[in-house]
């Protein structure tokens, strides 16, 4: 990657998603948005379709695929929550 790190690119793509989210919710709620940089590549009914379209267009590079939802679901990882990842027998 050139001067931008993957984290910088992800921040850019997430910020862009947040800016266009109201419009996406009106027209594409529940679908998966494919974003590269500050460009909406398209919306898809399945995550796999978005991934395939991204790889076909850009190759196997980082890109943002996000389901268009009003509220983001909370991901829970029980092993992390209970401190089991660092547990020793």
N, C-alpha and C. Protein backbone atom coordinates (compact mmCIF):
# COMPACT_ATOMS: atom_id res chain seq x y z
N UNK A 1 0.85 -1.17 0.00
CA UNK A 1 0.00 0.00 0.00
C UNK A 1 0.89 1.23 0.00
N UNK A 2 0.50 2.30 -0.65
CA UNK A 2 1.34 3.49 -0.75
C UNK A 2 1.44 4.20 0.60
N UNK A 3 1.15 5.49 0.64
CA UNK A 3 1.27 6.25 1.88
C UNK A 3 0.16 5.93 2.88
N UNK A 4 -1.00 5.55 2.36
CA UNK A 4 -2.14 5.26 3.24
C UNK A 4 -2.05 3.83 3.76
N UNK A 5 -2.33 3.67 5.04
CA UNK A 5 -2.37 2.33 5.61
C UNK A 5 -3.75 1.73 5.40
N UNK A 6 -3.86 0.44 5.60
CA UNK A 6 -5.17 -0.22 5.50
C UNK A 6 -6.15 0.41 6.48
N UNK A 7 -5.67 0.77 7.68
CA UNK A 7 -6.54 1.38 8.68
C UNK A 7 -7.06 2.73 8.19
N UNK A 8 -6.20 3.52 7.53
CA UNK A 8 -6.63 4.81 6.98
C UNK A 8 -7.70 4.62 5.91
N UNK A 9 -7.49 3.64 5.05
CA UNK A 9 -8.45 3.36 3.98
C UNK A 9 -9.78 2.93 4.59
N UNK A 10 -9.73 2.05 5.60
CA UNK A 10 -10.95 1.60 6.26
C UNK A 10 -11.69 2.77 6.90
N UNK A 11 -10.96 3.66 7.57
CA UNK A 11 -11.59 4.84 8.18
C UNK A 11 -12.29 5.69 7.11
N UNK A 12 -11.63 5.88 5.98
CA UNK A 12 -12.21 6.65 4.87
C UNK A 12 -13.49 5.99 4.37
N UNK A 13 -13.44 4.68 4.17
CA UNK A 13 -14.60 3.97 3.65
C UNK A 13 -15.75 3.95 4.65
N UNK A 14 -15.44 3.79 5.93
CA UNK A 14 -16.49 3.82 6.94
C UNK A 14 -17.12 5.20 7.05
N UNK A 15 -16.30 6.25 6.98
CA UNK A 15 -16.83 7.62 7.03
C UNK A 15 -17.73 7.89 5.82
N UNK A 16 -17.31 7.43 4.66
CA UNK A 16 -18.12 7.59 3.45
C UNK A 16 -19.45 6.85 3.61
N UNK A 17 -19.40 5.62 4.12
CA UNK A 17 -20.62 4.85 4.35
C UNK A 17 -21.57 5.62 5.27
N UNK A 18 -21.04 6.18 6.34
CA UNK A 18 -21.89 6.93 7.27
C UNK A 18 -22.53 8.15 6.59
N UNK A 19 -21.81 8.80 5.69
CA UNK A 19 -22.35 9.96 4.98
C UNK A 19 -23.49 9.57 4.04
N UNK A 20 -23.38 8.41 3.40
CA UNK A 20 -24.41 8.02 2.43
C UNK A 20 -25.46 7.09 3.04
N UNK A 21 -25.29 6.72 4.29
CA UNK A 21 -26.20 5.77 4.94
C UNK A 21 -27.66 6.20 4.90
N UNK A 22 -28.00 7.47 5.15
CA UNK A 22 -29.43 7.84 5.09
C UNK A 22 -30.07 7.52 3.73
N UNK A 23 -29.36 7.81 2.65
CA UNK A 23 -29.89 7.51 1.32
C UNK A 23 -29.96 6.00 1.08
N UNK A 24 -28.93 5.29 1.53
CA UNK A 24 -28.94 3.83 1.38
C UNK A 24 -30.11 3.22 2.13
N UNK A 25 -30.40 3.72 3.33
CA UNK A 25 -31.52 3.19 4.11
C UNK A 25 -32.84 3.40 3.39
N UNK A 26 -32.98 4.50 2.67
CA UNK A 26 -34.23 4.77 1.95
C UNK A 26 -34.42 3.81 0.79
N UNK A 27 -33.35 3.48 0.09
CA UNK A 27 -33.49 2.73 -1.16
C UNK A 27 -32.92 1.30 -1.13
N UNK A 28 -32.05 1.01 -0.17
CA UNK A 28 -31.35 -0.28 -0.20
C UNK A 28 -31.25 -0.94 1.17
N UNK A 29 -32.19 -0.68 2.06
CA UNK A 29 -32.14 -1.25 3.41
C UNK A 29 -32.07 -2.78 3.34
N UNK A 30 -31.18 -3.35 4.13
CA UNK A 30 -31.02 -4.78 4.20
C UNK A 30 -30.03 -5.35 3.18
N UNK A 31 -29.71 -4.58 2.17
CA UNK A 31 -28.75 -5.05 1.17
C UNK A 31 -27.32 -4.82 1.65
N UNK A 32 -26.37 -5.28 0.86
CA UNK A 32 -24.96 -5.14 1.19
C UNK A 32 -24.32 -4.12 0.26
N UNK A 33 -23.75 -3.08 0.83
CA UNK A 33 -23.11 -2.02 0.06
C UNK A 33 -21.63 -2.37 -0.11
N UNK A 34 -21.16 -2.23 -1.34
CA UNK A 34 -19.74 -2.42 -1.66
C UNK A 34 -19.15 -1.04 -1.88
N UNK A 35 -18.16 -0.69 -1.05
CA UNK A 35 -17.54 0.63 -1.11
C UNK A 35 -16.05 0.46 -1.27
N UNK A 36 -15.49 1.24 -2.18
CA UNK A 36 -14.04 1.26 -2.39
C UNK A 36 -13.63 2.72 -2.37
N UNK A 37 -12.82 3.09 -1.39
CA UNK A 37 -12.45 4.50 -1.24
C UNK A 37 -13.68 5.30 -0.88
N UNK A 38 -13.94 6.34 -1.66
CA UNK A 38 -15.14 7.14 -1.45
C UNK A 38 -16.09 6.96 -2.64
N UNK A 39 -16.30 5.70 -3.02
CA UNK A 39 -17.20 5.40 -4.13
C UNK A 39 -18.07 4.20 -3.76
N UNK A 40 -19.37 4.36 -3.94
CA UNK A 40 -20.30 3.25 -3.79
C UNK A 40 -20.27 2.48 -5.10
N UNK A 41 -19.77 1.27 -5.05
CA UNK A 41 -19.66 0.45 -6.26
C UNK A 41 -21.03 -0.13 -6.61
N UNK A 42 -21.77 -0.53 -5.60
CA UNK A 42 -23.10 -1.06 -5.83
C UNK A 42 -23.67 -1.65 -4.56
N UNK A 43 -24.94 -2.08 -4.64
CA UNK A 43 -25.58 -2.77 -3.53
C UNK A 43 -26.03 -4.14 -4.04
N UNK A 44 -26.01 -5.12 -3.14
CA UNK A 44 -26.24 -6.50 -3.51
C UNK A 44 -27.12 -7.16 -2.46
N UNK A 45 -27.87 -8.18 -2.88
CA UNK A 45 -28.75 -8.86 -1.94
C UNK A 45 -28.00 -9.81 -1.02
N UNK A 46 -26.84 -10.29 -1.45
CA UNK A 46 -26.02 -11.21 -0.63
C UNK A 46 -24.61 -10.67 -0.49
N UNK A 47 -24.02 -10.91 0.67
CA UNK A 47 -22.64 -10.49 0.93
C UNK A 47 -21.69 -11.11 -0.09
N UNK A 48 -21.94 -12.37 -0.43
CA UNK A 48 -21.08 -13.08 -1.38
C UNK A 48 -21.09 -12.40 -2.75
N UNK A 49 -22.26 -11.92 -3.17
CA UNK A 49 -22.36 -11.22 -4.46
C UNK A 49 -21.53 -9.94 -4.45
N UNK A 50 -21.57 -9.22 -3.34
CA UNK A 50 -20.79 -7.98 -3.21
C UNK A 50 -19.30 -8.30 -3.27
N UNK A 51 -18.89 -9.35 -2.57
CA UNK A 51 -17.48 -9.74 -2.56
C UNK A 51 -17.02 -10.14 -3.97
N UNK A 52 -17.83 -10.97 -4.64
CA UNK A 52 -17.46 -11.41 -5.99
C UNK A 52 -17.34 -10.22 -6.95
N UNK A 53 -18.26 -9.27 -6.85
CA UNK A 53 -18.20 -8.08 -7.71
C UNK A 53 -16.94 -7.26 -7.41
N UNK A 54 -16.60 -7.13 -6.13
CA UNK A 54 -15.42 -6.38 -5.75
C UNK A 54 -14.14 -7.03 -6.23
N UNK A 55 -14.04 -8.35 -6.07
CA UNK A 55 -12.84 -9.06 -6.52
C UNK A 55 -12.73 -9.01 -8.04
N UNK A 56 -13.85 -9.14 -8.72
CA UNK A 56 -13.83 -9.09 -10.19
C UNK A 56 -13.34 -7.72 -10.68
N UNK A 57 -13.77 -6.67 -10.00
CA UNK A 57 -13.41 -5.32 -10.43
C UNK A 57 -12.03 -4.87 -9.96
N UNK A 58 -11.67 -5.20 -8.71
CA UNK A 58 -10.45 -4.66 -8.11
C UNK A 58 -9.37 -5.70 -7.82
N UNK A 59 -9.73 -6.97 -7.86
CA UNK A 59 -8.80 -8.00 -7.42
C UNK A 59 -9.00 -8.26 -5.94
N UNK A 60 -8.17 -9.11 -5.38
CA UNK A 60 -8.29 -9.46 -3.97
C UNK A 60 -7.57 -8.41 -3.11
N UNK A 61 -8.23 -7.28 -2.94
CA UNK A 61 -7.70 -6.16 -2.17
C UNK A 61 -8.72 -5.75 -1.11
N UNK A 62 -8.31 -5.00 -0.10
CA UNK A 62 -9.28 -4.56 0.91
C UNK A 62 -10.37 -3.68 0.29
N UNK A 63 -11.60 -3.92 0.73
CA UNK A 63 -12.75 -3.12 0.32
C UNK A 63 -13.79 -3.28 1.43
N UNK A 64 -14.70 -2.34 1.52
CA UNK A 64 -15.71 -2.39 2.57
C UNK A 64 -16.99 -2.98 2.01
N UNK A 65 -17.49 -4.01 2.68
CA UNK A 65 -18.80 -4.57 2.39
C UNK A 65 -19.58 -4.48 3.69
N UNK A 66 -20.68 -3.73 3.66
CA UNK A 66 -21.43 -3.47 4.88
C UNK A 66 -22.92 -3.63 4.61
N UNK A 67 -23.61 -4.36 5.48
CA UNK A 67 -25.05 -4.48 5.34
C UNK A 67 -25.68 -3.16 5.77
N UNK A 68 -26.63 -2.70 4.99
CA UNK A 68 -27.29 -1.42 5.24
C UNK A 68 -28.39 -1.65 6.27
N UNK A 69 -28.12 -1.26 7.51
CA UNK A 69 -29.06 -1.43 8.61
C UNK A 69 -29.16 -0.14 9.39
N UNK A 70 -30.33 0.12 9.97
CA UNK A 70 -30.51 1.32 10.77
C UNK A 70 -29.57 1.31 11.98
N UNK A 71 -29.53 0.19 12.68
CA UNK A 71 -28.65 0.04 13.84
C UNK A 71 -27.71 -1.14 13.58
N UNK A 72 -26.45 -0.94 13.87
CA UNK A 72 -25.46 -1.99 13.67
C UNK A 72 -25.62 -3.04 14.77
N UNK A 73 -25.64 -4.33 14.41
CA UNK A 73 -25.76 -5.38 15.42
C UNK A 73 -24.50 -5.44 16.30
N UNK A 74 -24.70 -5.78 17.54
CA UNK A 74 -23.58 -5.92 18.46
C UNK A 74 -23.03 -7.33 18.32
N UNK A 75 -21.75 -7.43 18.07
CA UNK A 75 -21.09 -8.73 17.94
C UNK A 75 -20.54 -9.12 19.30
N UNK A 76 -20.92 -10.29 19.78
CA UNK A 76 -20.41 -10.76 21.06
C UNK A 76 -19.54 -11.98 20.85
N UNK A 77 -18.39 -11.96 21.48
CA UNK A 77 -17.46 -13.07 21.40
C UNK A 77 -17.26 -13.56 22.83
N UNK A 78 -17.99 -14.61 23.23
CA UNK A 78 -17.95 -15.04 24.63
C UNK A 78 -16.55 -15.31 25.17
N UNK A 79 -15.68 -15.91 24.38
CA UNK A 79 -14.33 -16.20 24.88
C UNK A 79 -13.60 -14.91 25.23
N UNK A 80 -13.81 -13.87 24.43
CA UNK A 80 -13.17 -12.59 24.70
C UNK A 80 -13.81 -11.92 25.92
N UNK A 81 -15.15 -11.95 25.97
CA UNK A 81 -15.89 -11.33 27.06
C UNK A 81 -15.50 -11.92 28.41
N UNK A 82 -15.29 -13.21 28.45
CA UNK A 82 -14.99 -13.88 29.72
C UNK A 82 -13.50 -14.06 29.94
N UNK A 83 -12.69 -13.48 29.11
CA UNK A 83 -11.26 -13.53 29.30
C UNK A 83 -10.64 -14.89 29.02
N UNK A 84 -11.31 -15.71 28.21
CA UNK A 84 -10.82 -17.05 27.97
C UNK A 84 -9.73 -17.12 26.92
N UNK A 85 -9.54 -16.06 26.16
CA UNK A 85 -8.52 -16.10 25.12
C UNK A 85 -7.12 -16.18 25.71
N UNK A 86 -6.95 -15.65 26.90
CA UNK A 86 -5.64 -15.68 27.55
C UNK A 86 -5.59 -16.67 28.70
N UNK A 87 -6.63 -17.51 28.80
CA UNK A 87 -6.69 -18.47 29.92
C UNK A 87 -5.61 -19.54 29.75
N UNK A 88 -5.06 -19.95 30.86
CA UNK A 88 -4.07 -21.02 30.86
C UNK A 88 -4.64 -22.18 31.67
N UNK A 89 -4.43 -23.41 31.19
CA UNK A 89 -4.98 -24.58 31.93
C UNK A 89 -4.31 -24.77 33.28
